[in-house]
Amino acid sequence: RQYIGGQISLMPELTALYWPTINSYKRSVENTWAPVTATWGRENRTT
């Protein structure tokens, strides 16, 4: 839980490392299987 807590807390400010290109952000659109918010869940592919 703490491991996930760290990831959720730092996710917005570390996003450039996960999405490093201009094109990366075209994938992150609602209802497209890619996240748009810092969320977590059990067996939840919208997070």
All heavy atoms as atom14 arrays in JSON, in Angstrom:
{
  "sequence": "RQYIGGQISLMPELTALYWPTINSYKRSVENTWAPVTATWGRENRTT",
  "atom14_mask": [
    [1, 1, 1, 1, 1, 1, 1, 1, 1, 1, 1, 0, 0, 0],
    [1, 1, 1, 1, 1, 1, 1, 1, 1, 0, 0, 0, 0, 0],
    [1, 1, 1, 1, 1, 1, 1, 1, 1, 1, 1, 1, 0, 0],
    [1, 1, 1, 1, 1, 1, 1, 1, 0, 0, 0, 0, 0, 0],
    [1, 1, 1, 1, 0, 0, 0, 0, 0, 0, 0, 0, 0, 0],
    [1, 1, 1, 1, 0, 0, 0, 0, 0, 0, 0, 0, 0, 0],
    [1, 1, 1, 1, 1, 1, 1, 1, 1, 0, 0, 0, 0, 0],
    [1, 1, 1, 1, 1, 1, 1, 1, 0, 0, 0, 0, 0, 0],
    [1, 1, 1, 1, 1, 1, 0, 0, 0, 0, 0, 0, 0, 0],
    [1, 1, 1, 1, 1, 1, 1, 1, 0, 0, 0, 0, 0, 0],
    [1, 1, 1, 1, 1, 1, 1, 1, 0, 0, 0, 0, 0, 0],
    [1, 1, 1, 1, 1, 1, 1, 0, 0, 0, 0, 0, 0, 0],
    [1, 1, 1, 1, 1, 1, 1, 1, 1, 0, 0, 0, 0, 0],
    [1, 1, 1, 1, 1, 1, 1, 1, 0, 0, 0, 0, 0, 0],
    [1, 1, 1, 1, 1, 1, 1, 0, 0, 0, 0, 0, 0, 0],
    [1, 1, 1, 1, 1, 0, 0, 0, 0, 0, 0, 0, 0, 0],
    [1, 1, 1, 1, 1, 1, 1, 1, 0, 0, 0, 0, 0, 0],
    [1, 1, 1, 1, 1, 1, 1, 1, 1, 1, 1, 1, 0, 0],
    [1, 1, 1, 1, 1, 1, 1, 1, 1, 1, 1, 1, 1, 1],
    [1, 1, 1, 1, 1, 1, 1, 0, 0, 0, 0, 0, 0, 0],
    [1, 1, 1, 1, 1, 1, 1, 0, 0, 0, 0, 0, 0, 0],
    [1, 1, 1, 1, 1, 1, 1, 1, 0, 0, 0, 0, 0, 0],
    [1, 1, 1, 1, 1, 1, 1, 1, 0, 0, 0, 0, 0, 0],
    [1, 1, 1, 1, 1, 1, 0, 0, 0, 0, 0, 0, 0, 0],
    [1, 1, 1, 1, 1, 1, 1, 1, 1, 1, 1, 1, 0, 0],
    [1, 1, 1, 1, 1, 1, 1, 1, 1, 0, 0, 0, 0, 0],
    [1, 1, 1, 1, 1, 1, 1, 1, 1, 1, 1, 0, 0, 0],
    [1, 1, 1, 1, 1, 1, 0, 0, 0, 0, 0, 0, 0, 0],
    [1, 1, 1, 1, 1, 1, 1, 0, 0, 0, 0, 0, 0, 0],
    [1, 1, 1, 1, 1, 1, 1, 1, 1, 0, 0, 0, 0, 0],
    [1, 1, 1, 1, 1, 1, 1, 1, 0, 0, 0, 0, 0, 0],
    [1, 1, 1, 1, 1, 1, 1, 0, 0, 0, 0, 0, 0, 0],
    [1, 1, 1, 1, 1, 1, 1, 1, 1, 1, 1, 1, 1, 1],
    [1, 1, 1, 1, 1, 0, 0, 0, 0, 0, 0, 0, 0, 0],
    [1, 1, 1, 1, 1, 1, 1, 0, 0, 0, 0, 0, 0, 0],
    [1, 1, 1, 1, 1, 1, 1, 0, 0, 0, 0, 0, 0, 0],
    [1, 1, 1, 1, 1, 1, 1, 0, 0, 0, 0, 0, 0, 0],
    [1, 1, 1, 1, 1, 0, 0, 0, 0, 0, 0, 0, 0, 0],
    [1, 1, 1, 1, 1, 1, 1, 0, 0, 0, 0, 0, 0, 0],
    [1, 1, 1, 1, 1, 1, 1, 1, 1, 1, 1, 1, 1, 1],
    [1, 1, 1, 1, 0, 0, 0, 0, 0, 0, 0, 0, 0, 0],
    [1, 1, 1, 1, 1, 1, 1, 1, 1, 1, 1, 0, 0, 0],
    [1, 1, 1, 1, 1, 1, 1, 1, 1, 0, 0, 0, 0, 0],
    [1, 1, 1, 1, 1, 1, 1, 1, 0, 0, 0, 0, 0, 0],
    [1, 1, 1, 1, 1, 1, 1, 1, 1, 1, 1, 0, 0, 0],
    [1, 1, 1, 1, 1, 1, 1, 0, 0, 0, 0, 0, 0, 0],
    [1, 1, 1, 1, 1, 1, 1, 0, 0, 0, 0, 0, 0, 0]
  ],
  "atom14_positions": [
    [[0.83, -1.19, 0.0], [0.0, 0.0, 0.0], [0.87, 1.26, 0.0], [0.58, 2.22, -0.71], [-0.95, -0.01, 1.21], [-1.98, -1.12, 1.18], [-2.91, -1.03, 2.4], [-3.64, 0.23, 2.4], [-4.78, 0.45, 1.72], [-5.29, -0.52, 0.98], [-5.37, 1.62, 1.78], [0.0, 0.0, 0.0], [0.0, 0.0, 0.0], [0.0, 0.0, 0.0]],
    [[1.92, 1.24, 0.78], [2.82, 2.39, 0.81], [3.55, 2.58, -0.51], [3.78, 3.71, -0.95], [3.83, 2.22, 1.95], [3.21, 2.27, 3.33], [4.19, 1.89, 4.43], [5.28, 1.37, 4.16], [3.81, 2.14, 5.68], [0.0, 0.0, 0.0], [0.0, 0.0, 0.0], [0.0, 0.0, 0.0], [0.0, 0.0, 0.0], [0.0, 0.0, 0.0]],
    [[3.9, 1.47, -1.15], [4.55, 1.52, -2.46], [3.63, 2.19, -3.47], [4.03, 3.09, -4.22], [4.87, 0.09, -2.89], [5.7, -0.06, -4.16], [7.08, -0.15, -4.09], [5.09, -0.17, -5.4], [7.85, -0.33, -5.23], [5.84, -0.34, -6.55], [7.21, -0.43, -6.46], [7.97, -0.61, -7.6], [0.0, 0.0, 0.0], [0.0, 0.0, 0.0]],
    [[2.35, 1.78, -3.46], [1.37, 2.4, -4.34], [1.16, 3.87, -3.95], [1.03, 4.75, -4.81], [0.04, 1.63, -4.3], [0.22, 0.23, -4.89], [-1.06, 2.39, -5.04], [-0.98, -0.68, -4.73], [0.0, 0.0, 0.0], [0.0, 0.0, 0.0], [0.0, 0.0, 0.0], [0.0, 0.0, 0.0], [0.0, 0.0, 0.0], [0.0, 0.0, 0.0]],
    [[1.16, 4.13, -2.65], [0.99, 5.51, -2.19], [2.06, 6.43, -2.74], [1.78, 7.56, -3.16], [0.0, 0.0, 0.0], [0.0, 0.0, 0.0], [0.0, 0.0, 0.0], [0.0, 0.0, 0.0], [0.0, 0.0, 0.0], [0.0, 0.0, 0.0], [0.0, 0.0, 0.0], [0.0, 0.0, 0.0], [0.0, 0.0, 0.0], [0.0, 0.0, 0.0]],
    [[3.3, 5.96, -2.75], [4.38, 6.75, -3.32], [4.2, 6.99, -4.81], [4.42, 8.1, -5.31], [0.0, 0.0, 0.0], [0.0, 0.0, 0.0], [0.0, 0.0, 0.0], [0.0, 0.0, 0.0], [0.0, 0.0, 0.0], [0.0, 0.0, 0.0], [0.0, 0.0, 0.0], [0.0, 0.0, 0.0], [0.0, 0.0, 0.0], [0.0, 0.0, 0.0]],
    [[3.79, 5.96, -5.52], [3.59, 6.09, -6.95], [2.47, 7.07, -7.29], [2.6, 7.9, -8.2], [3.32, 4.72, -7.57], [4.52, 3.79, -7.51], [4.29, 2.5, -8.26], [3.17, 1.98, -8.3], [5.34, 1.96, -8.84], [0.0, 0.0, 0.0], [0.0, 0.0, 0.0], [0.0, 0.0, 0.0], [0.0, 0.0, 0.0], [0.0, 0.0, 0.0]],
    [[1.37, 6.97, -6.57], [0.24, 7.87, -6.83], [0.63, 9.31, -6.49], [0.33, 10.25, -7.24], [-1.0, 7.44, -6.01], [-1.48, 6.05, -6.46], [-2.12, 8.47, -6.17], [-1.94, 5.96, -7.89], [0.0, 0.0, 0.0], [0.0, 0.0, 0.0], [0.0, 0.0, 0.0], [0.0, 0.0, 0.0], [0.0, 0.0, 0.0], [0.0, 0.0, 0.0]],
    [[1.33, 9.5, -5.37], [1.71, 10.86, -4.94], [2.63, 11.54, -5.94], [2.5, 12.74, -6.2], [2.39, 10.8, -3.57], [1.51, 10.36, -2.57], [0.0, 0.0, 0.0], [0.0, 0.0, 0.0], [0.0, 0.0, 0.0], [0.0, 0.0, 0.0], [0.0, 0.0, 0.0], [0.0, 0.0, 0.0], [0.0, 0.0, 0.0], [0.0, 0.0, 0.0]],
    [[3.57, 10.77, -6.51], [4.58, 11.36, -7.39], [4.23, 11.27, -8.88], [4.95, 11.81, -9.71], [5.93, 10.68, -7.16], [6.51, 10.74, -5.74], [7.93, 10.19, -5.72], [6.49, 12.16, -5.2], [0.0, 0.0, 0.0], [0.0, 0.0, 0.0], [0.0, 0.0, 0.0], [0.0, 0.0, 0.0], [0.0, 0.0, 0.0], [0.0, 0.0, 0.0]],
    [[3.13, 10.61, -9.19], [2.8, 10.34, -10.59], [2.73, 11.6, -11.45], [3.36, 11.65, -12.53], [1.49, 9.55, -10.69], [1.21, 9.0, -12.07], [-0.31, 7.99, -12.1], [0.19, 6.59, -11.1], [0.0, 0.0, 0.0], [0.0, 0.0, 0.0], [0.0, 0.0, 0.0], [0.0, 0.0, 0.0], [0.0, 0.0, 0.0], [0.0, 0.0, 0.0]],
    [[2.02, 12.65, -11.06], [1.96, 13.83, -11.95], [3.33, 14.44, -12.22], [3.65, 14.77, -13.37], [1.05, 14.78, -11.18], [0.18, 13.89, -10.35], [1.1, 12.79, -9.93], [0.0, 0.0, 0.0], [0.0, 0.0, 0.0], [0.0, 0.0, 0.0], [0.0, 0.0, 0.0], [0.0, 0.0, 0.0], [0.0, 0.0, 0.0], [0.0, 0.0, 0.0]],
    [[4.18, 14.57, -11.18], [5.46, 15.25, -11.38], [6.51, 14.37, -12.07], [7.52, 14.87, -12.54], [6.0, 15.79, -10.06], [6.28, 14.75, -9.0], [6.22, 15.35, -7.59], [5.1, 15.54, -7.07], [7.3, 15.61, -7.02], [0.0, 0.0, 0.0], [0.0, 0.0, 0.0], [0.0, 0.0, 0.0], [0.0, 0.0, 0.0], [0.0, 0.0, 0.0]],
    [[6.27, 13.06, -12.13], [7.18, 12.16, -12.84], [6.67, 11.78, -14.23], [7.31, 10.99, -14.94], [7.4, 10.88, -12.02], [8.09, 11.02, -10.66], [8.27, 9.65, -10.02], [9.43, 11.73, -10.79], [0.0, 0.0, 0.0], [0.0, 0.0, 0.0], [0.0, 0.0, 0.0], [0.0, 0.0, 0.0], [0.0, 0.0, 0.0], [0.0, 0.0, 0.0]],
    [[5.54, 12.35, -14.63], [4.89, 11.94, -15.87], [5.79, 12.07, -17.1], [5.75, 11.25, -18.01], [3.59, 12.73, -16.09], [2.59, 12.22, -15.2], [3.07, 12.61, -17.51], [0.0, 0.0, 0.0], [0.0, 0.0, 0.0], [0.0, 0.0, 0.0], [0.0, 0.0, 0.0], [0.0, 0.0, 0.0], [0.0, 0.0, 0.0], [0.0, 0.0, 0.0]],
    [[6.64, 13.09, -17.14], [7.51, 13.27, -18.32], [8.42, 12.07, -18.54], [8.84, 11.81, -19.66], [8.34, 14.54, -18.17], [0.0, 0.0, 0.0], [0.0, 0.0, 0.0], [0.0, 0.0, 0.0], [0.0, 0.0, 0.0], [0.0, 0.0, 0.0], [0.0, 0.0, 0.0], [0.0, 0.0, 0.0], [0.0, 0.0, 0.0], [0.0, 0.0, 0.0]],
    [[8.71, 11.32, -17.48], [9.55, 10.13, -17.6], [8.76, 8.96, -18.16], [9.34, 8.06, -18.77], [10.15, 9.77, -16.25], [11.18, 10.78, -15.73], [11.21, 10.78, -14.22], [12.54, 10.49, -16.3], [0.0, 0.0, 0.0], [0.0, 0.0, 0.0], [0.0, 0.0, 0.0], [0.0, 0.0, 0.0], [0.0, 0.0, 0.0], [0.0, 0.0, 0.0]],
    [[7.47, 8.94, -17.93], [6.61, 7.87, -18.45], [6.07, 8.21, -19.84], [5.87, 7.33, -20.66], [5.43, 7.63, -17.51], [5.82, 7.39, -16.07], [5.27, 8.15, -15.04], [6.75, 6.4, -15.74], [5.61, 7.94, -13.72], [7.1, 6.18, -14.41], [6.53, 6.95, -13.41], [6.88, 6.74, -12.1], [0.0, 0.0, 0.0], [0.0, 0.0, 0.0]],
    [[5.8, 9.49, -20.05], [5.29, 9.99, -21.33], [6.32, 10.98, -21.88], [6.18, 12.19, -21.74], [3.94, 10.68, -21.14], [2.83, 9.76, -20.72], [2.8, 8.41, -20.82], [1.56, 10.15, -20.14], [1.61, 7.92, -20.34], [0.84, 8.96, -19.92], [1.01, 11.37, -19.8], [-0.44, 8.98, -19.36], [-0.27, 11.39, -19.25], [-0.99, 10.21, -19.04]],
    [[7.37, 10.5, -22.55], [8.52, 11.36, -22.89], [8.43, 12.08, -24.22], [9.33, 12.85, -24.55], [9.68, 10.36, -22.91], [9.04, 9.08, -23.39], [7.65, 9.08, -22.8], [0.0, 0.0, 0.0], [0.0, 0.0, 0.0], [0.0, 0.0, 0.0], [0.0, 0.0, 0.0], [0.0, 0.0, 0.0], [0.0, 0.0, 0.0], [0.0, 0.0, 0.0]],
    [[7.38, 11.84, -25.01], [7.29, 12.45, -26.33], [6.04, 13.32, -26.44], [5.11, 13.21, -25.64], [7.26, 11.4, -27.45], [5.97, 10.76, -27.46], [8.35, 10.35, -27.27], [0.0, 0.0, 0.0], [0.0, 0.0, 0.0], [0.0, 0.0, 0.0], [0.0, 0.0, 0.0], [0.0, 0.0, 0.0], [0.0, 0.0, 0.0], [0.0, 0.0, 0.0]],
    [[6.01, 14.15, -27.46], [4.81, 14.93, -27.76], [3.62, 14.0, -27.98], [2.5, 14.23, -27.5], [5.04, 15.8, -29.01], [6.11, 16.86, -28.75], [3.74, 16.43, -29.48], [5.74, 17.9, -27.71], [0.0, 0.0, 0.0], [0.0, 0.0, 0.0], [0.0, 0.0, 0.0], [0.0, 0.0, 0.0], [0.0, 0.0, 0.0], [0.0, 0.0, 0.0]],
    [[3.87, 12.92, -28.69], [2.81, 11.99, -29.06], [2.26, 11.21, -27.87], [1.11, 10.75, -27.9], [3.34, 11.02, -30.12], [2.3, 10.05, -30.63], [2.35, 8.86, -30.31], [1.36, 10.54, -31.41], [0.0, 0.0, 0.0], [0.0, 0.0, 0.0], [0.0, 0.0, 0.0], [0.0, 0.0, 0.0], [0.0, 0.0, 0.0], [0.0, 0.0, 0.0]],
    [[3.05, 11.06, -26.8], [2.6, 10.29, -25.64], [1.25, 10.75, -25.12], [0.41, 9.94, -24.7], [3.63, 10.42, -24.5], [4.9, 9.98, -24.86], [0.0, 0.0, 0.0], [0.0, 0.0, 0.0], [0.0, 0.0, 0.0], [0.0, 0.0, 0.0], [0.0, 0.0, 0.0], [0.0, 0.0, 0.0], [0.0, 0.0, 0.0], [0.0, 0.0, 0.0]],
    [[1.02, 12.05, -25.17], [-0.16, 12.64, -24.53], [-1.41, 12.5, -25.4], [-2.53, 12.73, -24.92], [0.13, 14.11, -24.19], [1.31, 14.2, -23.24], [2.61, 14.1, -23.72], [1.11, 14.28, -21.87], [3.7, 14.12, -22.85], [2.19, 14.29, -21.0], [3.48, 14.2, -21.49], [4.54, 14.18, -20.63], [0.0, 0.0, 0.0], [0.0, 0.0, 0.0]],
    [[-1.24, 12.1, -26.65], [-2.39, 11.84, -27.52], [-3.05, 10.51, -27.16], [-4.22, 10.28, -27.48], [-1.95, 11.82, -29.0], [-1.17, 13.06, -29.43], [-2.0, 14.32, -29.29], [-1.18, 15.58, -29.57], [-0.78, 15.7, -30.98], [0.0, 0.0, 0.0], [0.0, 0.0, 0.0], [0.0, 0.0, 0.0], [0.0, 0.0, 0.0], [0.0, 0.0, 0.0]],
    [[-2.31, 9.64, -26.49], [-2.87, 8.35, -26.05], [-3.73, 8.51, -24.81], [-4.7, 7.76, -24.62], [-1.71, 7.38, -25.77], [-2.09, 6.13, -24.99], [-0.89, 5.21, -24.77], [-1.17, 4.21, -23.74], [-0.81, 4.32, -22.47], [-0.17, 5.41, -22.06], [-1.11, 3.37, -21.6], [0.0, 0.0, 0.0], [0.0, 0.0, 0.0], [0.0, 0.0, 0.0]],
    [[-3.38, 9.47, -23.96], [-4.06, 9.63, -22.68], [-5.36, 10.41, -22.87], [-5.41, 11.64, -22.7], [-3.15, 10.36, -21.7], [-3.81, 10.58, -20.48], [0.0, 0.0, 0.0], [0.0, 0.0, 0.0], [0.0, 0.0, 0.0], [0.0, 0.0, 0.0], [0.0, 0.0, 0.0], [0.0, 0.0, 0.0], [0.0, 0.0, 0.0], [0.0, 0.0, 0.0]],
    [[-6.4, 9.69, -23.22], [-7.72, 10.27, -23.47], [-8.75, 9.42, -22.74], [-8.61, 8.2, -22.66], [-8.03, 10.29, -24.99], [-9.41, 10.87, -25.25], [-6.97, 11.08, -25.74], [0.0, 0.0, 0.0], [0.0, 0.0, 0.0], [0.0, 0.0, 0.0], [0.0, 0.0, 0.0], [0.0, 0.0, 0.0], [0.0, 0.0, 0.0], [0.0, 0.0, 0.0]],
    [[-9.77, 10.05, -22.2], [-10.79, 9.32, -21.46], [-11.4, 8.2, -22.28], [-11.63, 8.34, -23.49], [-11.89, 10.27, -20.98], [-11.44, 11.23, -19.89], [-12.59, 12.06, -19.36], [-13.71, 11.91, -19.88], [-12.36, 12.85, -18.42], [0.0, 0.0, 0.0], [0.0, 0.0, 0.0], [0.0, 0.0, 0.0], [0.0, 0.0, 0.0], [0.0, 0.0, 0.0]],
    [[-11.65, 7.09, -21.6], [-12.33, 5.93, -22.18], [-11.56, 5.31, -23.34], [-12.14, 4.85, -24.32], [-13.75, 6.31, -22.63], [-14.57, 6.91, -21.5], [-14.53, 6.43, -20.36], [-15.3, 7.97, -21.8], [0.0, 0.0, 0.0], [0.0, 0.0, 0.0], [0.0, 0.0, 0.0], [0.0, 0.0, 0.0], [0.0, 0.0, 0.0], [0.0, 0.0, 0.0]],
    [[-10.22, 5.3, -23.22], [-9.38, 4.68, -24.26], [-8.38, 3.69, -23.67], [-7.38, 3.4, -24.3], [-8.62, 5.76, -25.05], [-7.78, 6.5, -24.15], [-9.56, 6.7, -25.77], [0.0, 0.0, 0.0], [0.0, 0.0, 0.0], [0.0, 0.0, 0.0], [0.0, 0.0, 0.0], [0.0, 0.0, 0.0], [0.0, 0.0, 0.0], [0.0, 0.0, 0.0]],
    [[-8.62, 3.2, -22.46], [-7.75, 2.23, -21.8], [-6.44, 2.84, -21.31], [-5.56, 2.12, -20.84], [-7.45, 1.03, -22.7], [-8.66, 0.32, -23.2], [-9.19, 0.4, -24.46], [-9.51, -0.55, -22.46], [-10.33, -0.39, -24.55], [-10.54, -0.99, -23.33], [-9.51, -1.03, -21.15], [-11.54, -1.86, -22.94], [-10.51, -1.9, -20.75], [-11.51, -2.3, -21.64]],
    [[-6.27, 4.15, -21.42], [-5.07, 4.82, -20.91], [-5.5, 5.79, -19.81], [-6.54, 6.44, -19.93], [-4.36, 5.57, -22.03], [0.0, 0.0, 0.0], [0.0, 0.0, 0.0], [0.0, 0.0, 0.0], [0.0, 0.0, 0.0], [0.0, 0.0, 0.0], [0.0, 0.0, 0.0], [0.0, 0.0, 0.0], [0.0, 0.0, 0.0], [0.0, 0.0, 0.0]],
    [[-4.74, 5.91, -18.73], [-5.17, 6.75, -17.61], [-5.06, 8.23, -17.9], [-4.23, 8.67, -18.7], [-4.2, 6.35, -16.49], [-2.96, 5.92, -17.21], [-3.44, 5.25, -18.47], [0.0, 0.0, 0.0], [0.0, 0.0, 0.0], [0.0, 0.0, 0.0], [0.0, 0.0, 0.0], [0.0, 0.0, 0.0], [0.0, 0.0, 0.0], [0.0, 0.0, 0.0]],
    [[-5.9, 9.0, -17.24], [-5.83, 10.47, -17.3], [-5.71, 11.06, -15.91], [-5.54, 12.27, -15.76], [-7.05, 11.06, -18.03], [-7.13, 10.56, -19.46], [-8.34, 10.75, -17.28], [0.0, 0.0, 0.0], [0.0, 0.0, 0.0], [0.0, 0.0, 0.0], [0.0, 0.0, 0.0], [0.0, 0.0, 0.0], [0.0, 0.0, 0.0], [0.0, 0.0, 0.0]],
    [[-5.82, 10.21, -14.87], [-5.74, 10.67, -13.49], [-4.83, 9.73, -12.69], [-4.58, 8.59, -13.1], [-7.13, 10.69, -12.83], [-7.74, 9.4, -12.98], [-8.02, 11.74, -13.46], [0.0, 0.0, 0.0], [0.0, 0.0, 0.0], [0.0, 0.0, 0.0], [0.0, 0.0, 0.0], [0.0, 0.0, 0.0], [0.0, 0.0, 0.0], [0.0, 0.0, 0.0]],
    [[-4.36, 10.2, -11.55], [-3.51, 9.41, -10.67], [-4.4, 8.55, -9.78], [-4.84, 8.97, -8.71], [-2.62, 10.32, -9.83], [0.0, 0.0, 0.0], [0.0, 0.0, 0.0], [0.0, 0.0, 0.0], [0.0, 0.0, 0.0], [0.0, 0.0, 0.0], [0.0, 0.0, 0.0], [0.0, 0.0, 0.0], [0.0, 0.0, 0.0], [0.0, 0.0, 0.0]],
    [[-4.71, 7.34, -10.23], [-5.67, 6.47, -9.57], [-5.1, 5.06, -9.46], [-4.18, 4.67, -10.19], [-6.98, 6.4, -10.36], [-6.67, 6.12, -11.74], [-7.75, 7.7, -10.28], [0.0, 0.0, 0.0], [0.0, 0.0, 0.0], [0.0, 0.0, 0.0], [0.0, 0.0, 0.0], [0.0, 0.0, 0.0], [0.0, 0.0, 0.0], [0.0, 0.0, 0.0]],
    [[-5.7, 4.26, -8.57], [-5.36, 2.85, -8.47], [-6.6, 2.07, -8.09], [-7.57, 2.61, -7.56], [-4.24, 2.61, -7.45], [-4.67, 2.72, -6.01], [-4.88, 3.86, -5.29], [-4.97, 1.63, -5.12], [-5.28, 3.56, -4.01], [-5.33, 2.21, -3.87], [-4.96, 0.25, -5.25], [-5.68, 1.43, -2.77], [-5.3, -0.54, -4.15], [-5.65, 0.05, -2.94]],
    [[-6.58, 0.78, -8.39], [-7.71, -0.07, -8.04], [-7.36, -1.52, -8.26], [-6.38, -1.85, -8.93], [0.0, 0.0, 0.0], [0.0, 0.0, 0.0], [0.0, 0.0, 0.0], [0.0, 0.0, 0.0], [0.0, 0.0, 0.0], [0.0, 0.0, 0.0], [0.0, 0.0, 0.0], [0.0, 0.0, 0.0], [0.0, 0.0, 0.0], [0.0, 0.0, 0.0]],
    [[-8.15, -2.39, -7.69], [-7.95, -3.83, -7.86], [-8.63, -4.29, -9.14], [-9.82, -4.06, -9.34], [-8.48, -4.61, -6.67], [-8.36, -6.13, -6.83], [-8.8, -6.85, -5.59], [-7.81, -6.76, -4.53], [-6.71, -7.52, -4.45], [-6.46, -8.42, -5.39], [-5.87, -7.39, -3.45], [0.0, 0.0, 0.0], [0.0, 0.0, 0.0], [0.0, 0.0, 0.0]],
    [[-7.86, -4.93, -10.0], [-8.38, -5.45, -11.28], [-9.21, -4.4, -12.01], [-10.29, -4.68, -12.53], [-9.19, -6.72, -11.06], [-8.37, -7.96, -10.8], [-7.49, -8.36, -11.99], [-7.58, -7.73, -13.06], [-6.7, -9.31, -11.84], [0.0, 0.0, 0.0], [0.0, 0.0, 0.0], [0.0, 0.0, 0.0], [0.0, 0.0, 0.0], [0.0, 0.0, 0.0]],
    [[-8.69, -3.18, -12.06], [-9.41, -2.07, -12.68], [-8.55, -1.48, -13.78], [-7.53, -0.84, -13.51], [-9.74, -1.01, -11.63], [-10.7, 0.03, -12.14], [-10.79, 0.28, -13.34], [-11.45, 0.64, -11.23], [0.0, 0.0, 0.0], [0.0, 0.0, 0.0], [0.0, 0.0, 0.0], [0.0, 0.0, 0.0], [0.0, 0.0, 0.0], [0.0, 0.0, 0.0]],
    [[-8.96, -1.69, -15.02], [-8.17, -1.22, -16.17], [-8.47, 0.23, -16.54], [-7.99, 0.71, -17.55], [-8.4, -2.15, -17.37], [-7.71, -3.49, -17.24], [-7.89, -4.34, -18.5], [-7.04, -5.51, -18.5], [-7.35, -6.69, -17.95], [-8.52, -6.82, -17.32], [-6.5, -7.71, -18.01], [0.0, 0.0, 0.0], [0.0, 0.0, 0.0], [0.0, 0.0, 0.0]],
    [[-9.27, 0.92, -15.74], [-9.49, 2.35, -15.98], [-8.57, 3.19, -15.11], [-8.62, 4.42, -15.17], [-10.96, 2.73, -15.7], [-11.21, 2.68, -14.29], [-11.91, 1.82, -16.44], [0.0, 0.0, 0.0], [0.0, 0.0, 0.0], [0.0, 0.0, 0.0], [0.0, 0.0, 0.0], [0.0, 0.0, 0.0], [0.0, 0.0, 0.0], [0.0, 0.0, 0.0]],
    [[-7.75, 2.56, -14.29], [-6.87, 3.28, -13.37], [-5.42, 3.23, -13.87], [-5.06, 2.42, -14.72], [-6.93, 2.68, -11.96], [-6.55, 1.29, -12.01], [-8.34, 2.79, -11.39], [0.0, 0.0, 0.0], [0.0, 0.0, 0.0], [0.0, 0.0, 0.0], [0.0, 0.0, 0.0], [0.0, 0.0, 0.0], [0.0, 0.0, 0.0], [0.0, 0.0, 0.0]]
  ]
}
